[in-house]
Protein backbone atom coordinates (compact mmCIF):
# COMPACT_ATOMS: atom_id res chain seq x y z
CA UNK A 1 153.05 95.31 114.46
CA UNK A 2 151.55 94.55 111.28
CA UNK A 3 152.94 92.79 107.99
CA UNK A 4 152.02 90.06 105.38
CA UNK A 5 152.39 86.39 104.43
CA UNK A 6 154.38 87.02 101.36
CA UNK A 7 157.56 85.86 102.67
CA UNK A 8 156.23 82.74 103.26
CA UNK A 9 153.44 81.67 101.05
CA UNK A 10 150.57 83.74 98.87
CA UNK A 11 146.82 82.86 98.06
CA UNK A 12 145.51 83.28 94.33
CA UNK A 13 144.44 86.32 95.35
CA UNK A 14 147.51 87.65 97.23
CA UNK A 15 149.24 87.38 100.57
CA UNK A 16 147.89 87.35 103.89
CA UNK A 17 148.10 90.74 105.87
CA UNK A 18 147.77 91.00 109.43
CA UNK A 19 148.21 93.38 112.37
CA UNK A 20 148.76 92.47 116.04
CA UNK A 21 148.86 95.25 119.02
CA UNK A 22 149.06 95.83 122.50
CA UNK A 23 147.57 98.90 124.79
CA UNK A 24 148.24 100.15 128.37
CA UNK A 25 145.90 102.36 129.50
CA UNK A 26 145.39 104.59 132.69
CA UNK A 27 142.74 107.46 133.43
CA UNK A 28 142.53 109.62 136.15
CA UNK A 29 139.74 111.83 136.88
CA UNK A 30 139.16 114.22 139.76
CA UNK A 31 136.68 117.21 140.53
CA UNK A 32 136.46 119.45 143.67
CA UNK A 33 133.37 122.04 144.44
CA UNK A 34 134.07 125.66 145.81
CA UNK A 35 133.22 125.30 149.39
CA UNK A 36 129.87 126.68 149.52
CA UNK A 37 128.53 124.32 147.08
CA UNK A 38 130.36 121.37 148.55
CA UNK A 39 128.68 122.02 152.09
CA UNK A 40 125.08 122.01 150.42
CA UNK A 41 124.74 125.82 150.66
CA UNK A 42 123.06 125.95 147.13
CA UNK A 43 121.64 122.82 146.11
CA UNK A 44 120.68 121.67 149.87
CA UNK A 45 122.85 118.64 149.25
CA UNK A 46 126.33 118.81 150.06
CA UNK A 47 128.66 117.49 147.04
CA UNK A 48 131.48 115.64 147.75
CA UNK A 49 134.40 115.92 145.97
CA UNK A 50 135.10 113.45 142.91
CA UNK A 51 138.38 111.57 143.37
CA UNK A 52 138.00 107.81 141.91
CA UNK A 53 140.75 105.46 141.87
CA UNK A 54 142.32 104.97 138.65
CA UNK A 55 141.05 102.92 135.56
CA UNK A 56 143.63 100.86 134.44
CA UNK A 57 142.71 98.23 131.23
CA UNK A 58 145.54 96.34 129.12
CA UNK A 59 144.48 95.36 126.06
CA UNK A 60 145.83 92.53 123.56
CA UNK A 61 144.05 92.50 119.68
CA UNK A 62 144.84 91.53 116.70
CA UNK A 63 143.33 91.99 112.74
CA UNK A 64 143.83 89.98 109.63
CA UNK A 65 142.62 90.34 105.84
CA UNK A 66 142.41 87.00 103.79
CA UNK A 67 142.54 87.87 99.99
CA UNK A 68 140.56 84.10 99.05
CA UNK A 69 140.25 85.30 95.31
CA UNK A 70 140.93 87.43 92.85
CA UNK A 71 140.79 88.85 89.06
CA UNK A 72 138.22 85.57 87.92
CA UNK A 73 134.73 85.22 86.18
CA UNK A 74 132.05 86.91 88.71
CA UNK A 75 134.83 87.22 91.33
CA UNK A 76 136.96 90.36 91.35
CA UNK A 77 137.50 90.26 94.67
CA UNK A 78 136.62 87.74 97.28
CA UNK A 79 138.32 88.82 100.79
CA UNK A 80 137.39 87.76 104.58
CA UNK A 81 138.22 90.08 107.43
CA UNK A 82 138.61 89.80 111.06
CA UNK A 83 139.60 91.14 114.65
CA UNK A 84 139.86 90.18 117.82
CA UNK A 85 140.01 92.34 120.98
CA UNK A 86 140.70 91.11 124.78
CA UNK A 87 140.47 93.63 127.74
CA UNK A 88 141.52 93.17 131.07
CA UNK A 89 140.22 95.53 133.62
CA UNK A 90 140.62 96.45 137.46
CA UNK A 91 136.94 97.22 138.08
CA UNK A 92 134.34 94.35 137.87
CA UNK A 93 134.07 94.46 133.97
CA UNK A 94 137.48 92.29 134.77
CA UNK A 95 137.98 90.78 131.54
CA UNK A 96 136.26 90.86 127.82
CA UNK A 97 136.55 90.33 124.34
CA UNK A 98 135.14 91.53 121.26
CA UNK A 99 135.28 90.55 117.41
CA UNK A 100 134.33 90.77 114.38
CA UNK A 101 134.42 89.27 110.65
CA UNK A 102 133.49 91.10 107.60
CA UNK A 103 133.24 89.42 104.10
CA UNK A 104 134.28 91.29 100.60
CA UNK A 105 132.57 90.01 97.46
CA UNK A 106 133.37 91.86 93.94
CA UNK A 107 131.33 90.03 91.10
CA UNK A 108 132.91 93.08 88.67
CA UNK A 109 135.48 95.51 89.49
CA UNK A 110 131.78 98.49 89.37
CA UNK A 111 130.50 96.40 92.04
CA UNK A 112 131.45 95.85 95.73
CA UNK A 113 129.23 94.27 98.05
CA UNK A 114 130.18 93.78 101.95
CA UNK A 115 129.00 92.40 105.33
CA UNK A 116 130.03 92.30 108.88
CA UNK A 117 129.06 91.07 112.16
CA UNK A 118 130.76 92.32 115.27
CA UNK A 119 130.18 92.10 118.79
CA UNK A 120 131.41 95.18 120.90
CA UNK A 121 131.33 95.86 124.79
CA UNK A 122 131.43 99.19 126.46
CA UNK A 123 133.22 99.31 130.31
CA UNK A 124 131.68 101.30 132.77
CA UNK A 125 133.34 105.25 133.05
CA UNK A 126 135.24 106.35 136.77
CA UNK A 127 131.44 108.30 136.54
CA UNK A 128 129.09 105.27 136.38
CA UNK A 129 131.33 103.66 139.07
CA UNK A 130 132.05 106.20 141.69
CA UNK A 131 129.88 109.56 140.87
CA UNK A 132 129.68 110.78 144.69
CA UNK A 133 126.87 109.47 146.53
CA UNK A 134 124.48 111.79 148.06
CA UNK A 135 122.42 111.15 150.37
CA UNK A 136 118.53 110.75 150.37
CA UNK A 137 115.67 109.64 152.34
CA UNK A 138 112.10 108.23 151.40
CA UNK A 139 109.24 105.95 152.62
CA UNK A 140 110.50 102.41 151.53
CA UNK A 141 108.31 99.45 151.20
CA UNK A 142 110.24 96.26 152.70
CA UNK A 143 109.65 93.64 149.72
CA UNK A 144 110.30 90.74 152.24
CA UNK A 145 108.02 92.11 154.92
CA UNK A 146 105.22 90.10 156.15
CA UNK A 147 103.01 92.41 154.63
CA UNK A 148 104.10 92.99 150.90
CA UNK A 149 105.83 89.65 150.51
CA UNK A 150 103.01 87.83 148.75
CA UNK A 151 102.29 90.37 146.51
CA UNK A 152 104.92 88.93 143.80
CA UNK A 153 104.90 84.94 143.48
CA UNK A 154 108.90 85.16 143.33
CA UNK A 155 108.95 87.28 146.59
CA UNK A 156 109.08 84.28 149.59
CA UNK A 157 111.30 82.11 147.52
CA UNK A 158 113.78 85.26 146.91
CA UNK A 159 113.45 86.81 150.28
CA UNK A 160 114.09 82.94 151.99
CA UNK A 161 117.15 82.38 149.81
CA UNK A 162 118.59 85.60 151.50
CA UNK A 163 118.31 84.46 154.68
CA UNK A 164 115.65 86.68 155.72
CA UNK A 165 112.82 84.35 158.15
CA UNK A 166 108.91 83.86 157.61
CA UNK A 167 106.77 86.76 159.01
CA UNK A 168 110.20 89.20 159.51
CA UNK A 169 108.90 92.59 160.05
CA UNK A 170 110.66 95.21 158.80
CA UNK A 171 109.49 97.87 161.84
CA UNK A 172 112.24 100.52 160.46
CA UNK A 173 110.73 100.80 157.24
CA UNK A 174 107.00 100.90 158.47
CA UNK A 175 107.73 103.46 160.59
CA UNK A 176 110.00 106.11 159.08
CA UNK A 177 111.93 106.98 156.19
CA UNK A 178 114.80 105.21 155.42
CA UNK A 179 118.34 106.43 153.96
CA UNK A 180 120.04 105.58 151.21
CA UNK A 181 122.43 107.04 148.49
CA UNK A 182 122.62 108.03 144.88
CA UNK A 183 125.91 107.93 143.09
CA UNK A 184 128.09 105.61 141.11
CA UNK A 185 127.57 101.82 141.15
CA UNK A 186 131.25 100.48 141.49
CA UNK A 187 129.28 96.82 140.75
CA UNK A 188 128.79 97.86 137.70
CA UNK A 189 130.09 95.63 134.43
CA UNK A 190 130.17 96.29 130.88
CA UNK A 191 127.57 96.72 128.29
CA UNK A 192 127.47 94.14 125.40
CA UNK A 193 126.57 95.17 121.47
CA UNK A 194 125.75 93.10 118.60
CA UNK A 195 125.60 94.32 115.58
CA UNK A 196 125.05 93.48 111.62
CA UNK A 197 126.08 95.73 108.70
CA UNK A 198 125.69 94.29 104.82
CA UNK A 199 125.72 96.67 101.93
CA UNK A 200 127.49 97.83 98.17
CA UNK A 201 129.91 100.06 97.26
CA UNK A 202 129.04 100.70 93.52
CA UNK A 203 131.71 102.57 91.13
CA UNK A 204 130.74 102.41 87.51
CA UNK A 205 134.07 102.87 85.13
CA UNK A 206 131.61 104.36 82.77
CA UNK A 207 131.20 107.28 85.06
CA UNK A 208 134.61 107.66 86.63
CA UNK A 209 134.42 110.08 89.78
CA UNK A 210 131.18 108.52 90.86
CA UNK A 211 130.60 106.34 93.80
CA UNK A 212 127.53 105.52 96.04
CA UNK A 213 127.62 103.27 99.02
CA UNK A 214 124.47 102.29 100.80
CA UNK A 215 124.75 100.03 103.88
CA UNK A 216 122.11 98.31 106.46
CA UNK A 217 122.93 98.35 110.06
CA UNK A 218 121.03 96.12 112.44
CA UNK A 219 122.41 96.80 116.35
CA UNK A 220 121.38 95.75 120.02
CA UNK A 221 122.94 96.16 123.06
CA UNK A 222 122.34 94.58 126.06
CA UNK A 223 123.14 95.19 130.15
CA UNK A 224 122.78 98.60 129.23
CA UNK A 225 123.53 100.76 132.18
CA UNK A 226 120.24 103.07 133.03
CA UNK A 227 119.64 104.60 136.78
CA UNK A 228 116.53 103.44 138.92
CA UNK A 229 114.99 104.54 141.89
CA UNK A 230 115.87 102.84 145.71
CA UNK A 231 112.12 101.14 145.77
CA UNK A 232 112.32 100.34 142.23
CA UNK A 233 115.81 98.54 143.14
CA UNK A 234 114.59 96.63 146.05
CA UNK A 235 111.49 95.30 144.35
CA UNK A 236 113.19 94.25 141.22
CA UNK A 237 115.67 92.25 143.58
CA UNK A 238 113.03 90.24 145.59
CA UNK A 239 110.65 89.95 142.25
CA UNK A 240 113.35 88.25 139.99
CA UNK A 241 112.31 84.88 138.87
CA UNK A 242 115.88 83.57 138.80
CA UNK A 243 116.80 84.10 142.50
CA UNK A 244 118.64 86.84 143.97
CA UNK A 245 122.12 86.37 142.12
CA UNK A 246 120.57 89.58 139.90
CA UNK A 247 122.35 92.54 139.29
CA UNK A 248 119.57 94.35 141.59
CA UNK A 249 120.51 92.81 145.16
CA UNK A 250 124.32 93.34 144.46
CA UNK A 251 123.28 97.12 145.74
CA UNK A 252 121.21 96.24 148.89
CA UNK A 253 122.46 96.46 152.11
CA UNK A 254 120.87 94.12 155.29
CA UNK A 255 122.40 93.78 158.74
CA UNK A 256 123.60 90.34 158.76
CA UNK A 257 121.62 89.48 162.05
CA UNK A 258 118.31 91.79 162.46
CA UNK A 259 117.88 91.57 158.40
CA UNK A 260 116.74 95.73 158.97
CA UNK A 261 118.44 98.23 156.14
CA UNK A 262 121.90 99.18 157.17
CA UNK A 263 122.96 102.69 155.89
CA UNK A 264 122.61 102.85 152.92
CA UNK A 265 120.05 100.69 152.58
CA UNK A 266 120.16 100.60 148.64
CA UNK A 267 122.52 102.40 146.24
CA UNK A 268 120.13 103.97 143.40
CA UNK A 269 122.25 104.34 140.36
CA UNK A 270 122.94 102.56 137.22
CA UNK A 271 122.21 98.93 137.15
CA UNK A 272 122.92 96.74 134.13
CA UNK A 273 119.56 95.51 132.97
CA UNK A 274 118.27 97.59 130.05
CA UNK A 275 118.70 97.02 126.40
CA UNK A 276 118.50 99.07 122.54
CA UNK A 277 117.83 98.44 119.61
CA UNK A 278 118.95 100.28 116.44
CA UNK A 279 118.23 99.88 113.04
CA UNK A 280 118.83 101.98 110.00
CA UNK A 281 120.39 102.97 106.36
CA UNK A 282 122.97 104.65 105.66
CA UNK A 283 124.03 106.66 101.90
CA UNK A 284 126.57 108.08 100.86
CA UNK A 285 126.61 109.55 97.18
CA UNK A 286 129.61 111.54 95.56
CA UNK A 287 130.90 112.68 92.34
CA UNK A 288 133.57 114.58 91.28
CA UNK A 289 135.70 115.73 88.32
CA UNK A 290 137.71 117.90 85.94
CA UNK A 291 136.39 119.88 83.26
CA UNK A 292 138.63 120.54 80.17
CA UNK A 293 139.00 124.22 80.83
CA UNK A 294 140.65 122.96 84.31
CA UNK A 295 137.36 124.13 86.42
CA UNK A 296 137.00 121.65 89.60
CA UNK A 297 133.90 120.17 90.45
CA UNK A 298 132.88 117.95 93.10
CA UNK A 299 129.52 116.92 95.12
CA UNK A 300 128.56 114.56 98.25
CA UNK A 301 125.49 113.67 99.94
CA UNK A 302 125.10 111.88 103.11
CA UNK A 303 121.99 110.62 104.50
CA UNK A 304 120.70 108.32 107.13
CA UNK A 305 117.29 106.68 107.81
CA UNK A 306 116.84 105.46 111.11
CA UNK A 307 114.15 102.68 110.93
CA UNK A 308 114.05 101.98 114.65
CA UNK A 309 115.87 103.27 117.79
CA UNK A 310 113.72 101.42 120.77
CA UNK A 311 115.04 101.30 124.35
CA UNK A 312 114.00 98.59 127.01
CA UNK A 313 113.81 100.20 130.40
CA UNK A 314 111.49 98.54 132.38
CA UNK A 315 112.89 96.38 135.03
CA UNK A 316 109.34 94.77 135.61
CA UNK A 317 108.18 93.79 131.92
CA UNK A 318 111.79 93.86 130.00
CA UNK A 319 109.67 93.63 126.80
CA UNK A 320 108.01 96.86 127.18
CA UNK A 321 109.10 98.62 124.18
CA UNK A 322 109.68 102.64 124.56
CA UNK A 323 110.15 104.31 121.06
CA UNK A 324 113.11 107.00 121.23
CA UNK A 325 112.63 107.57 117.38
CA UNK A 326 110.97 110.53 116.33
CA UNK A 327 111.91 111.76 119.85
CA UNK A 328 113.98 115.28 120.05
CA UNK A 329 117.19 114.83 118.83
CA UNK A 330 116.37 111.66 116.91
CA UNK A 331 115.13 112.60 113.33
CA UNK A 332 113.91 109.74 111.38
CA UNK A 333 115.62 111.19 108.20
CA UNK A 334 118.70 113.93 107.86
CA UNK A 335 121.40 114.66 105.50
CA UNK A 336 123.57 116.85 104.43
CA UNK A 337 124.89 118.00 100.63
CA UNK A 338 128.28 119.71 100.14
CA UNK A 339 129.20 121.57 96.50
CA UNK A 340 132.62 122.69 94.96
CA UNK A 341 133.35 124.40 92.50
CA UNK A 342 137.23 125.33 91.85
CA UNK A 343 138.27 128.12 89.18
CA UNK A 344 141.96 128.40 89.51
CA UNK A 345 143.50 129.51 92.41
CA UNK A 346 139.80 130.58 93.78
CA UNK A 347 137.19 127.45 95.47
CA UNK A 348 133.40 128.20 96.16
CA UNK A 349 131.59 125.47 98.20
CA UNK A 350 127.99 125.34 99.42
CA UNK A 351 126.76 122.63 102.20
CA UNK A 352 123.28 122.41 102.91
CA UNK A 353 122.17 120.51 106.55
CA UNK A 354 118.46 119.09 106.46
CA UNK A 355 117.03 117.43 109.94
CA UNK A 356 113.62 115.73 109.65
CA UNK A 357 110.70 116.40 111.83
CA UNK A 358 110.53 115.69 115.88
CA UNK A 359 108.56 115.25 117.83
CA UNK A 360 107.13 118.46 119.79
CA UNK A 361 109.14 120.11 122.88
CA UNK A 362 110.51 116.85 123.81
CA UNK A 363 107.25 115.20 124.84
CA UNK A 364 107.47 111.10 124.65
CA UNK A 365 106.14 109.66 121.40
CA UNK A 366 104.09 107.03 123.09
CA UNK A 367 102.28 110.36 125.11
CA UNK A 368 101.27 111.38 121.51
CA UNK A 369 100.83 108.73 119.14
CA UNK A 370 99.18 105.16 119.87
CA UNK A 371 102.26 102.67 120.41
CA UNK A 372 102.57 98.95 120.52
CA UNK A 373 98.89 98.74 120.95
CA UNK A 374 98.70 100.94 123.71
CA UNK A 375 97.02 104.10 123.20
CA UNK A 376 98.27 107.67 123.47
CA UNK A 377 98.97 108.83 127.10
CA UNK A 378 98.16 112.39 126.21
CA UNK A 379 96.93 112.69 122.70
CA UNK A 380 96.38 116.51 123.15
CA UNK A 381 98.70 117.92 125.06
CA UNK A 382 100.03 120.20 122.68
CA UNK A 383 97.78 121.60 119.61
CA UNK A 384 100.59 120.29 117.25
CA UNK A 385 102.70 117.30 117.25
CA UNK A 386 105.39 118.02 115.43
CA UNK A 387 108.57 120.17 115.34
CA UNK A 388 108.77 120.69 111.17
CA UNK A 389 112.25 119.84 109.68
CA UNK A 390 114.75 122.32 109.46
CA UNK A 391 117.37 123.32 106.82
CA UNK A 392 120.13 125.34 106.72
CA UNK A 393 122.25 127.12 103.86
CA UNK A 394 125.95 127.43 104.18
CA UNK A 395 128.51 128.92 101.74
CA UNK A 396 132.08 129.79 101.67
CA UNK A 397 135.09 130.96 99.46
CA UNK A 398 138.88 130.63 99.52
CA UNK A 399 141.55 131.96 97.32
CA UNK A 400 145.12 130.74 97.53
CA UNK A 401 147.28 133.99 97.71
CA UNK A 402 150.67 131.26 97.49
CA UNK A 403 151.61 127.81 97.83
CA UNK A 404 151.53 129.09 101.55
CA UNK A 405 148.83 131.30 102.44
CA UNK A 406 145.36 131.17 101.76
CA UNK A 407 142.65 133.87 102.21
CA UNK A 408 138.79 132.73 103.21
CA UNK A 409 135.31 133.98 103.92
CA UNK A 410 131.49 132.50 104.45
CA UNK A 411 128.30 132.60 106.04
CA UNK A 412 127.22 129.52 108.00
CA UNK A 413 122.72 129.35 107.87
CA UNK A 414 122.33 131.84 105.33
CA UNK A 415 118.72 132.35 105.50
CA UNK A 416 118.89 132.58 109.08
CA UNK A 417 116.67 129.97 110.31
CA UNK A 418 116.11 129.70 113.83
CA UNK A 419 114.94 126.83 116.30
CA UNK A 420 111.19 126.27 116.56
CA UNK A 421 109.41 128.91 118.79
CA UNK A 422 110.24 128.24 122.37
CA UNK A 423 113.93 126.24 121.84
CA UNK A 424 117.14 127.42 122.12
CA UNK A 425 119.39 125.51 120.46
CA UNK A 426 121.37 124.84 123.27
CA UNK A 427 119.41 122.43 125.43
CA UNK A 428 121.24 118.68 125.04
CA UNK A 429 119.68 116.84 121.96
CA UNK A 430 118.45 119.89 120.51
CA UNK A 431 119.96 119.14 116.55
CA UNK A 432 119.28 123.33 115.64
CA UNK A 433 121.44 125.96 114.95
CA UNK A 434 121.70 127.74 118.11
CA UNK A 435 123.34 131.06 116.76
CA UNK A 436 121.43 131.69 113.29
CA UNK A 437 123.29 133.47 110.18
CA UNK A 438 126.85 133.42 111.29
CA UNK A 439 129.89 135.54 109.33
CA UNK A 440 133.56 134.75 109.26
CA UNK A 441 136.82 134.92 107.36
CA UNK A 442 140.32 134.80 107.84
CA UNK A 443 143.76 133.51 106.40
CA UNK A 444 145.58 130.30 106.69
CA UNK A 445 149.77 129.92 106.38
CA UNK A 446 151.23 126.71 105.63
CA UNK A 447 154.66 126.51 106.71
């Protein structure tokens, strides 16, 4: 439902507009392997069918736009915008909310300044929660065993809070490997994000058809879901300075009488503990015009300059940064430029795509470079450290035969630029063109 306040009142710049809504969503998922794969005949580990409970969520949301001032000296427009969303999940996420508030100020008609603060959530998916658990075994040190309880200053208090007596000996863990499972974690909760953006839009009246938008963004996501091993989960459960009420302890199983591990000792899967910070600048410039002879011209360039992508995924040192920027799939700079020229019924277009350099062979940035005061761990692993920047050129032509029928043809990656030696362009995270030069043609019919 949407509307405005014009029937009741108006502000100096116009009526307040709003939108309200509700949504109920049900997500279903299912997968089943063939008998050979399901029995473990291919990967030596039986794979159970994936038939999770339905994911259900009810959501209620509202948006409002308040035009405060307009058409005044130094205030061509002053508008406040806001939005709110409440969600109720049938998982451990339970109820969550998110909101944003934005401000638009145009001191003159040619220039608009804008800023926005927002929060967001991502509830775990059915795969995050219920992926089939596969059995595994490992030699595990029990942090509450008398042999290891004093290796961390918080362990004794946390083990006592769990009811484990002083002098406890986990004989099973000392003598044999312990069974645990790897898979989904039904105790996962939402990831939480916070972002701030500000920028401007320039549309000078002296140059009709031109627009330039530049926006800075700063995003931080907490409680990110990251996968840990069984030993790490156990250690973090009993090493936590805040007690055992942490997400690691929720996956540990003990016999309430003997305090020995019960199968599965640990559910090794996703845990809400990691975080990520991202900063960058987006650029969007465009120009379009029609000449006196009727010819049409337009150009648009979109660029992203990423300043930071940093992960914090070490549960023992949550402030230890892990740089993702510049690694494979995360270049510092990339852009696209599209040119179009129209002559009567004929439209010609050219596209240029540029992707900046990236760390060679998918290596970690920290392995080849000093970072955060820590020397590179394997500085000479490769004869060079970077894959060079990559670019493609593409052209296309379209001719309108009639108002309903048009013919088109084009060539993508005209120069046949290929991925770097040793890369295919098909592995996850690789941004290169995997096909090479590609010719195509066809027709469109619009009824």
